[in-house]
């Protein structure tokens, strides 16, 4: 059991650090919840795309098992396109 905690605590702390990398705004919490269900948020912040590109990425992730309602997808895509635009840092 101690070994399990030794592994889980650093993972939890790392996830909090990466979560702080997301800019504030409508959709942040959704992106944190939906995207981090399958991978670290570092994957998200490393990507850059326009709105159509983010729509394709989010649709692909949903096909692979991510779960979000249609209105949540719209909010997430808008958030991602605003904060992680194609050509941005």
PDB file of N, CA and C in Angstrom:
ATOM      1  N   UNK A   1       0.824  -1.191   0.000  1.00  0.00           N
ATOM      2  CA  UNK A   1       0.000   0.000   0.000  1.00  0.00           C
ATOM      3  C   UNK A   1       0.868   1.254   0.000  1.00  0.00           C
ATOM      4  N   UNK A   2       1.970   1.230   0.756  1.00  0.00           N
ATOM      5  CA  UNK A   2       2.853   2.382   0.806  1.00  0.00           C
ATOM      6  C   UNK A   2       3.447   2.675  -0.567  1.00  0.00           C
ATOM      7  N   UNK A   3       3.732   1.605  -1.321  1.00  0.00           N
ATOM      8  CA  UNK A   3       4.284   1.780  -2.672  1.00  0.00           C
ATOM      9  C   UNK A   3       3.267   2.460  -3.577  1.00  0.00           C
ATOM     10  N   UNK A   4       2.010   2.092  -3.422  1.00  0.00           N
ATOM     11  CA  UNK A   4       0.947   2.706  -4.222  1.00  0.00           C
ATOM     12  C   UNK A   4       0.868   4.197  -3.950  1.00  0.00           C
ATOM     13  N   UNK A   5       0.902   4.585  -2.686  1.00  0.00           N
ATOM     14  CA  UNK A   5       0.877   6.012  -2.329  1.00  0.00           C
ATOM     15  C   UNK A   5       2.127   6.725  -2.820  1.00  0.00           C
ATOM     16  N   UNK A   6       3.253   6.046  -2.785  1.00  0.00           N
ATOM     17  CA  UNK A   6       4.508   6.646  -3.258  1.00  0.00           C
ATOM     18  C   UNK A   6       4.430   6.969  -4.742  1.00  0.00           C
ATOM     19  N   UNK A   7       3.641   6.218  -5.483  1.00  0.00           N
ATOM     20  CA  UNK A   7       3.457   6.468  -6.913  1.00  0.00           C
ATOM     21  C   UNK A   7       2.352   7.485  -7.145  1.00  0.00           C
ATOM     22  N   UNK A   8       1.258   7.353  -6.437  1.00  0.00           N
ATOM     23  CA  UNK A   8       0.094   8.209  -6.674  1.00  0.00           C
ATOM     24  C   UNK A   8       0.288   9.650  -6.224  1.00  0.00           C
ATOM     25  N   UNK A   9       0.964   9.873  -5.136  1.00  0.00           N
ATOM     26  CA  UNK A   9       1.140  11.243  -4.647  1.00  0.00           C
ATOM     27  C   UNK A   9       1.906  12.098  -5.654  1.00  0.00           C
ATOM     28  N   UNK A  10       3.058  11.647  -6.198  1.00  0.00           N
ATOM     29  CA  UNK A  10       3.730  12.474  -7.218  1.00  0.00           C
ATOM     30  C   UNK A  10       2.875  12.708  -8.467  1.00  0.00           C
ATOM     31  N   UNK A  11       2.103  11.710  -8.862  1.00  0.00           N
ATOM     32  CA  UNK A  11       1.220  11.869 -10.025  1.00  0.00           C
ATOM     33  C   UNK A  11       0.164  12.927  -9.733  1.00  0.00           C
ATOM     34  N   UNK A  12      -0.412  12.897  -8.548  1.00  0.00           N
ATOM     35  CA  UNK A  12      -1.422  13.882  -8.160  1.00  0.00           C
ATOM     36  C   UNK A  12      -0.824  15.287  -8.129  1.00  0.00           C
ATOM     37  N   UNK A  13       0.341  15.425  -7.524  1.00  0.00           N
ATOM     38  CA  UNK A  13       1.002  16.732  -7.450  1.00  0.00           C
ATOM     39  C   UNK A  13       1.334  17.237  -8.850  1.00  0.00           C
ATOM     40  N   UNK A  14       1.846  16.367  -9.696  1.00  0.00           N
ATOM     41  CA  UNK A  14       2.175  16.759 -11.074  1.00  0.00           C
ATOM     42  C   UNK A  14       0.929  17.202 -11.817  1.00  0.00           C
ATOM     43  N   UNK A  15      -0.188  16.528 -11.600  1.00  0.00           N
ATOM     44  CA  UNK A  15      -1.418  16.928 -12.291  1.00  0.00           C
ATOM     45  C   UNK A  15      -1.869  18.311 -11.842  1.00  0.00           C
ATOM     46  N   UNK A  16      -1.667  18.651 -10.577  1.00  0.00           N
ATOM     47  CA  UNK A  16      -2.014  19.991 -10.102  1.00  0.00           C
ATOM     48  C   UNK A  16      -1.113  21.043 -10.735  1.00  0.00           C
ATOM     49  N   UNK A  17       0.152  20.729 -10.884  1.00  0.00           N
ATOM     50  CA  UNK A  17       1.083  21.668 -11.509  1.00  0.00           C
ATOM     51  C   UNK A  17       0.677  21.914 -12.955  1.00  0.00           C
ATOM     52  N   UNK A  18       0.389  20.842 -13.686  1.00  0.00           N
ATOM     53  CA  UNK A  18      -0.012  21.007 -15.079  1.00  0.00           C
ATOM     54  C   UNK A  18      -1.349  21.723 -15.193  1.00  0.00           C
ATOM     55  N   UNK A  19      -2.256  21.487 -14.271  1.00  0.00           N
ATOM     56  CA  UNK A  19      -3.560  22.146 -14.306  1.00  0.00           C
ATOM     57  C   UNK A  19      -3.397  23.656 -14.185  1.00  0.00           C
ATOM     58  N   UNK A  20      -2.385  24.083 -13.450  1.00  0.00           N
ATOM     59  CA  UNK A  20      -2.156  25.503 -13.283  1.00  0.00           C
ATOM     60  C   UNK A  20      -1.634  26.146 -14.563  1.00  0.00           C
ATOM     61  N   UNK A  21      -1.160  25.337 -15.507  1.00  0.00           N
ATOM     62  CA  UNK A  21      -0.668  25.855 -16.776  1.00  0.00           C
ATOM     63  C   UNK A  21      -1.801  26.314 -17.692  1.00  0.00           C
ATOM     64  N   UNK A  22      -3.019  25.915 -17.400  1.00  0.00           N
ATOM     65  CA  UNK A  22      -4.147  26.315 -18.225  1.00  0.00           C
ATOM     66  C   UNK A  22      -4.579  27.722 -17.839  1.00  0.00           C
ATOM     67  N   UNK A  23      -4.760  28.579 -18.844  1.00  0.00           N
ATOM     68  CA  UNK A  23      -5.236  29.934 -18.551  1.00  0.00           C
ATOM     69  C   UNK A  23      -6.666  29.904 -18.005  1.00  0.00           C
ATOM     70  N   UNK A  24      -6.990  30.895 -17.204  1.00  0.00           N
ATOM     71  CA  UNK A  24      -8.353  31.016 -16.687  1.00  0.00           C
ATOM     72  C   UNK A  24      -9.304  31.298 -17.846  1.00  0.00           C
ATOM     73  N   UNK A  25     -10.537  30.893 -17.687  1.00  0.00           N
ATOM     74  CA  UNK A  25     -11.557  31.191 -18.684  1.00  0.00           C
ATOM     75  C   UNK A  25     -12.618  30.119 -18.719  1.00  0.00           C
ATOM     76  N   UNK A  26     -13.723  30.460 -19.346  1.00  0.00           N
ATOM     77  CA  UNK A  26     -14.823  29.508 -19.486  1.00  0.00           C
ATOM     78  C   UNK A  26     -14.333  28.317 -20.298  1.00  0.00           C
ATOM     79  N   UNK A  27     -14.434  27.157 -19.732  1.00  0.00           N
ATOM     80  CA  UNK A  27     -13.994  25.942 -20.395  1.00  0.00           C
ATOM     81  C   UNK A  27     -12.775  25.307 -19.739  1.00  0.00           C
ATOM     82  N   UNK A  28     -12.077  26.060 -18.897  1.00  0.00           N
ATOM     83  CA  UNK A  28     -10.876  25.528 -18.249  1.00  0.00           C
ATOM     84  C   UNK A  28     -11.195  24.257 -17.458  1.00  0.00           C
ATOM     85  N   UNK A  29     -12.220  24.331 -16.621  1.00  0.00           N
ATOM     86  CA  UNK A  29     -12.564  23.186 -15.775  1.00  0.00           C
ATOM     87  C   UNK A  29     -12.957  21.973 -16.629  1.00  0.00           C
ATOM     88  N   UNK A  30     -13.707  22.208 -17.686  1.00  0.00           N
ATOM     89  CA  UNK A  30     -14.086  21.107 -18.579  1.00  0.00           C
ATOM     90  C   UNK A  30     -12.865  20.460 -19.214  1.00  0.00           C
ATOM     91  N   UNK A  31     -11.949  21.286 -19.709  1.00  0.00           N
ATOM     92  CA  UNK A  31     -10.735  20.754 -20.333  1.00  0.00           C
ATOM     93  C   UNK A  31      -9.950  19.937 -19.309  1.00  0.00           C
ATOM     94  N   UNK A  32      -9.824  20.470 -18.092  1.00  0.00           N
ATOM     95  CA  UNK A  32      -9.112  19.734 -17.041  1.00  0.00           C
ATOM     96  C   UNK A  32      -9.759  18.378 -16.790  1.00  0.00           C
ATOM     97  N   UNK A  33     -11.065  18.371 -16.640  1.00  0.00           N
ATOM     98  CA  UNK A  33     -11.771  17.138 -16.295  1.00  0.00           C
ATOM     99  C   UNK A  33     -11.791  16.134 -17.438  1.00  0.00           C
ATOM    100  N   UNK A  34     -12.160  16.597 -18.621  1.00  0.00           N
ATOM    101  CA  UNK A  34     -12.334  15.688 -19.752  1.00  0.00           C
ATOM    102  C   UNK A  34     -10.986  15.197 -20.282  1.00  0.00           C
ATOM    103  N   UNK A  35     -10.070  16.106 -20.517  1.00  0.00           N
ATOM    104  CA  UNK A  35      -8.796  15.735 -21.141  1.00  0.00           C
ATOM    105  C   UNK A  35      -7.900  14.936 -20.210  1.00  0.00           C
ATOM    106  N   UNK A  36      -7.865  15.304 -18.942  1.00  0.00           N
ATOM    107  CA  UNK A  36      -6.969  14.612 -18.013  1.00  0.00           C
ATOM    108  C   UNK A  36      -7.476  13.227 -17.638  1.00  0.00           C
ATOM    109  N   UNK A  37      -8.660  12.878 -18.094  1.00  0.00           N
ATOM    110  CA  UNK A  37      -9.154  11.524 -17.881  1.00  0.00           C
ATOM    111  C   UNK A  37      -8.357  10.488 -18.652  1.00  0.00           C
ATOM    112  N   UNK A  38      -7.654  10.928 -19.704  1.00  0.00           N
ATOM    113  CA  UNK A  38      -6.894   9.996 -20.544  1.00  0.00           C
ATOM    114  C   UNK A  38      -5.409  10.322 -20.625  1.00  0.00           C
ATOM    115  N   UNK A  39      -5.050  11.578 -20.477  1.00  0.00           N
ATOM    116  CA  UNK A  39      -3.645  11.962 -20.603  1.00  0.00           C
ATOM    117  C   UNK A  39      -3.379  13.227 -19.802  1.00  0.00           C
ATOM    118  N   UNK A  40      -2.119  13.544 -19.639  1.00  0.00           N
ATOM    119  CA  UNK A  40      -1.743  14.736 -18.910  1.00  0.00           C
ATOM    120  C   UNK A  40      -2.106  15.995 -19.667  1.00  0.00           C
ATOM    121  N   UNK A  41      -2.295  17.065 -18.932  1.00  0.00           N
ATOM    122  CA  UNK A  41      -2.629  18.342 -19.561  1.00  0.00           C
ATOM    123  C   UNK A  41      -1.444  18.922 -20.319  1.00  0.00           C
ATOM    124  N   UNK A  42      -0.244  18.394 -20.079  1.00  0.00           N
ATOM    125  CA  UNK A  42       0.914  18.833 -20.841  1.00  0.00           C
ATOM    126  C   UNK A  42       0.728  18.555 -22.325  1.00  0.00           C
ATOM    127  N   UNK A  43      -0.011  17.513 -22.643  1.00  0.00           N
ATOM    128  CA  UNK A  43      -0.317  17.184 -24.040  1.00  0.00           C
ATOM    129  C   UNK A  43      -1.168  18.292 -24.649  1.00  0.00           C
ATOM    130  N   UNK A  44      -2.115  18.795 -23.887  1.00  0.00           N
ATOM    131  CA  UNK A  44      -3.022  19.847 -24.364  1.00  0.00           C
ATOM    132  C   UNK A  44      -2.261  21.147 -24.586  1.00  0.00           C
ATOM    133  N   UNK A  45      -1.486  21.570 -23.592  1.00  0.00           N
ATOM    134  CA  UNK A  45      -0.816  22.874 -23.695  1.00  0.00           C
ATOM    135  C   UNK A  45       0.281  22.878 -24.754  1.00  0.00           C
ATOM    136  N   UNK A  46       0.713  21.709 -25.190  1.00  0.00           N
ATOM    137  CA  UNK A  46       1.734  21.622 -26.239  1.00  0.00           C
ATOM    138  C   UNK A  46       1.136  21.764 -27.635  1.00  0.00           C
ATOM    139  N   UNK A  47      -0.178  21.618 -27.761  1.00  0.00           N
ATOM    140  CA  UNK A  47      -0.853  21.668 -29.064  1.00  0.00           C
ATOM    141  C   UNK A  47      -1.223  23.096 -29.446  1.00  0.00           C
ATOM    142  N   UNK A  48      -1.261  23.337 -30.727  1.00  0.00           N
ATOM    143  CA  UNK A  48      -1.729  24.625 -31.269  1.00  0.00           C
ATOM    144  C   UNK A  48      -2.587  24.324 -32.493  1.00  0.00           C
ATOM    145  N   UNK A  49      -3.754  24.958 -32.554  1.00  0.00           N
ATOM    146  CA  UNK A  49      -4.647  24.744 -33.698  1.00  0.00           C
ATOM    147  C   UNK A  49      -5.651  25.885 -33.769  1.00  0.00           C
ATOM    148  N   UNK A  50      -6.221  26.066 -34.960  1.00  0.00           N
ATOM    149  CA  UNK A  50      -7.322  27.015 -35.091  1.00  0.00           C
ATOM    150  C   UNK A  50      -8.595  26.309 -34.608  1.00  0.00           C
ATOM    151  N   UNK A  51      -9.713  27.008 -34.662  1.00  0.00           N
ATOM    152  CA  UNK A  51     -10.959  26.454 -34.125  1.00  0.00           C
ATOM    153  C   UNK A  51     -11.335  25.138 -34.816  1.00  0.00           C
ATOM    154  N   UNK A  52     -11.197  25.097 -36.136  1.00  0.00           N
ATOM    155  CA  UNK A  52     -11.522  23.860 -36.862  1.00  0.00           C
ATOM    156  C   UNK A  52     -10.592  22.725 -36.449  1.00  0.00           C
ATOM    157  N   UNK A  53      -9.323  23.051 -36.258  1.00  0.00           N
ATOM    158  CA  UNK A  53      -8.360  22.046 -35.828  1.00  0.00           C
ATOM    159  C   UNK A  53      -8.683  21.497 -34.450  1.00  0.00           C
ATOM    160  N   UNK A  54      -9.028  22.401 -33.517  1.00  0.00           N
ATOM    161  CA  UNK A  54      -9.400  21.951 -32.180  1.00  0.00           C
ATOM    162  C   UNK A  54     -10.674  21.120 -32.228  1.00  0.00           C
ATOM    163  N   UNK A  55     -11.609  21.504 -33.086  1.00  0.00           N
ATOM    164  CA  UNK A  55     -12.838  20.713 -33.216  1.00  0.00           C
ATOM    165  C   UNK A  55     -12.501  19.292 -33.654  1.00  0.00           C
ATOM    166  N   UNK A  56     -11.604  19.169 -34.615  1.00  0.00           N
ATOM    167  CA  UNK A  56     -11.195  17.838 -35.093  1.00  0.00           C
ATOM    168  C   UNK A  56     -10.503  17.045 -33.990  1.00  0.00           C
ATOM    169  N   UNK A  57      -9.630  17.705 -33.242  1.00  0.00           N
ATOM    170  CA  UNK A  57      -8.911  17.029 -32.155  1.00  0.00           C
ATOM    171  C   UNK A  57      -9.888  16.550 -31.089  1.00  0.00           C
ATOM    172  N   UNK A  58     -10.800  17.425 -30.671  1.00  0.00           N
ATOM    173  CA  UNK A  58     -11.770  17.058 -29.634  1.00  0.00           C
ATOM    174  C   UNK A  58     -12.689  15.946 -30.138  1.00  0.00           C
ATOM    175  N   UNK A  59     -13.152  16.045 -31.381  1.00  0.00           N
ATOM    176  CA  UNK A  59     -13.999  14.983 -31.942  1.00  0.00           C
ATOM    177  C   UNK A  59     -13.268  13.642 -31.948  1.00  0.00           C
ATOM    178  N   UNK A  60     -11.989  13.672 -32.304  1.00  0.00           N
ATOM    179  CA  UNK A  60     -11.187  12.448 -32.322  1.00  0.00           C
ATOM    180  C   UNK A  60     -11.055  11.863 -30.914  1.00  0.00           C
ATOM    181  N   UNK A  61     -10.840  12.732 -29.940  1.00  0.00           N
ATOM    182  CA  UNK A  61     -10.710  12.251 -28.564  1.00  0.00           C
ATOM    183  C   UNK A  61     -12.021  11.637 -28.073  1.00  0.00           C
ATOM    184  N   UNK A  62     -13.133  12.210 -28.486  1.00  0.00           N
ATOM    185  CA  UNK A  62     -14.437  11.653 -28.112  1.00  0.00           C
ATOM    186  C   UNK A  62     -14.623  10.282 -28.769  1.00  0.00           C
ATOM    187  N   UNK A  63     -14.201  10.143 -30.014  1.00  0.00           N
ATOM    188  CA  UNK A  63     -14.258   8.834 -30.680  1.00  0.00           C
ATOM    189  C   UNK A  63     -13.419   7.799 -29.937  1.00  0.00           C
ATOM    190  N   UNK A  64     -12.366   8.263 -29.281  1.00  0.00           N
ATOM    191  CA  UNK A  64     -11.460   7.361 -28.562  1.00  0.00           C
ATOM    192  C   UNK A  64     -11.898   7.130 -27.124  1.00  0.00           C
ATOM    193  N   UNK A  65     -13.009   7.752 -26.700  1.00  0.00           N
ATOM    194  CA  UNK A  65     -13.540   7.446 -25.385  1.00  0.00           C
ATOM    195  C   UNK A  65     -13.756   8.614 -24.438  1.00  0.00           C
ATOM    196  N   UNK A  66     -13.292   9.804 -24.791  1.00  0.00           N
ATOM    197  CA  UNK A  66     -13.553  10.962 -23.925  1.00  0.00           C
ATOM    198  C   UNK A  66     -15.063  11.206 -23.896  1.00  0.00           C
ATOM    199  N   UNK A  67     -15.548  11.675 -22.780  1.00  0.00           N
ATOM    200  CA  UNK A  67     -16.988  11.865 -22.617  1.00  0.00           C
ATOM    201  C   UNK A  67     -17.310  13.335 -22.359  1.00  0.00           C
ATOM    202  N   UNK A  68     -18.120  13.902 -23.248  1.00  0.00           N
ATOM    203  CA  UNK A  68     -18.577  15.286 -23.084  1.00  0.00           C
ATOM    204  C   UNK A  68     -19.869  15.465 -23.861  1.00  0.00           C
ATOM    205  N   UNK A  69     -20.755  16.271 -23.299  1.00  0.00           N
ATOM    206  CA  UNK A  69     -22.005  16.609 -23.986  1.00  0.00           C
ATOM    207  C   UNK A  69     -21.698  17.592 -25.111  1.00  0.00           C
ATOM    208  N   UNK A  70     -22.618  17.704 -26.061  1.00  0.00           N
ATOM    209  CA  UNK A  70     -22.412  18.590 -27.218  1.00  0.00           C
ATOM    210  C   UNK A  70     -22.091  20.024 -26.808  1.00  0.00           C
ATOM    211  N   UNK A  71     -22.838  20.558 -25.828  1.00  0.00           N
ATOM    212  CA  UNK A  71     -22.598  21.944 -25.414  1.00  0.00           C
ATOM    213  C   UNK A  71     -21.250  22.082 -24.694  1.00  0.00           C
ATOM    214  N   UNK A  72     -20.810  21.022 -24.028  1.00  0.00           N
ATOM    215  CA  UNK A  72     -19.495  21.042 -23.396  1.00  0.00           C
ATOM    216  C   UNK A  72     -18.381  21.043 -24.439  1.00  0.00           C
ATOM    217  N   UNK A  73     -18.604  20.306 -25.514  1.00  0.00           N
ATOM    218  CA  UNK A  73     -17.622  20.268 -26.606  1.00  0.00           C
ATOM    219  C   UNK A  73     -17.455  21.665 -27.200  1.00  0.00           C
ATOM    220  N   UNK A  74     -18.551  22.360 -27.417  1.00  0.00           N
ATOM    221  CA  UNK A  74     -18.489  23.718 -27.964  1.00  0.00           C
ATOM    222  C   UNK A  74     -17.680  24.614 -27.029  1.00  0.00           C
ATOM    223  N   UNK A  75     -17.953  24.533 -25.739  1.00  0.00           N
ATOM    224  CA  UNK A  75     -17.233  25.346 -24.754  1.00  0.00           C
ATOM    225  C   UNK A  75     -15.745  25.004 -24.753  1.00  0.00           C
ATOM    226  N   UNK A  76     -15.424  23.728 -24.797  1.00  0.00           N
ATOM    227  CA  UNK A  76     -14.022  23.297 -24.797  1.00  0.00           C
ATOM    228  C   UNK A  76     -13.290  23.768 -26.049  1.00  0.00           C
ATOM    229  N   UNK A  77     -13.914  23.595 -27.194  1.00  0.00           N
ATOM    230  CA  UNK A  77     -13.286  24.006 -28.463  1.00  0.00           C
ATOM    231  C   UNK A  77     -13.041  25.511 -28.462  1.00  0.00           C
ATOM    232  N   UNK A  78     -14.009  26.285 -28.020  1.00  0.00           N
ATOM    233  CA  UNK A  78     -13.833  27.741 -27.959  1.00  0.00           C
ATOM    234  C   UNK A  78     -12.689  28.111 -27.016  1.00  0.00           C
ATOM    235  N   UNK A  79     -12.625  27.466 -25.863  1.00  0.00           N
ATOM    236  CA  UNK A  79     -11.566  27.722 -24.888  1.00  0.00           C
ATOM    237  C   UNK A  79     -10.193  27.379 -25.482  1.00  0.00           C
ATOM    238  N   UNK A  80     -10.097  26.215 -26.085  1.00  0.00           N
ATOM    239  CA  UNK A  80      -8.818  25.766 -26.639  1.00  0.00           C
ATOM    240  C   UNK A  80      -8.366  26.649 -27.795  1.00  0.00           C
ATOM    241  N   UNK A  81      -9.287  27.014 -28.680  1.00  0.00           N
ATOM    242  CA  UNK A  81      -8.947  27.859 -29.827  1.00  0.00           C
ATOM    243  C   UNK A  81      -8.492  29.251 -29.374  1.00  0.00           C
ATOM    244  N   UNK A  82      -9.098  29.762 -28.328  1.00  0.00           N
ATOM    245  CA  UNK A  82      -8.723  31.084 -27.810  1.00  0.00           C
ATOM    246  C   UNK A  82      -7.368  31.055 -27.124  1.00  0.00           C
ATOM    247  N   UNK A  83      -7.131  30.032 -26.326  1.00  0.00           N
ATOM    248  CA  UNK A  83      -5.945  29.986 -25.483  1.00  0.00           C
ATOM    249  C   UNK A  83      -4.745  29.259 -26.074  1.00  0.00           C
ATOM    250  N   UNK A  84      -4.976  28.426 -27.071  1.00  0.00           N
ATOM    251  CA  UNK A  84      -3.900  27.672 -27.713  1.00  0.00           C
ATOM    252  C   UNK A  84      -4.065  27.741 -29.231  1.00  0.00           C
ATOM    253  N   UNK A  85      -3.987  28.966 -29.776  1.00  0.00           N
ATOM    254  CA  UNK A  85      -4.243  29.170 -31.200  1.00  0.00           C
ATOM    255  C   UNK A  85      -3.095  28.686 -32.086  1.00  0.00           C
ATOM    256  N   UNK A  86      -3.443  28.404 -33.298  1.00  0.00           N
ATOM    257  CA  UNK A  86      -2.437  28.046 -34.301  1.00  0.00           C
ATOM    258  C   UNK A  86      -1.463  29.208 -34.427  1.00  0.00           C
ATOM    259  N   UNK A  87      -0.190  28.913 -34.395  1.00  0.00           N
ATOM    260  CA  UNK A  87       0.811  29.956 -34.502  1.00  0.00           C
ATOM    261  C   UNK A  87       1.149  30.626 -33.189  1.00  0.00           C
ATOM    262  N   UNK A  88       0.450  30.261 -32.096  1.00  0.00           N
ATOM    263  CA  UNK A  88       0.717  30.852 -30.791  1.00  0.00           C
ATOM    264  C   UNK A  88       1.905  30.197 -30.122  1.00  0.00           C
ATOM    265  N   UNK A  89       2.272  30.716 -28.959  1.00  0.00           N
ATOM    266  CA  UNK A  89       3.414  30.152 -28.211  1.00  0.00           C
ATOM    267  C   UNK A  89       3.139  28.757 -27.750  1.00  0.00           C
TER     268      UNK A  89
END
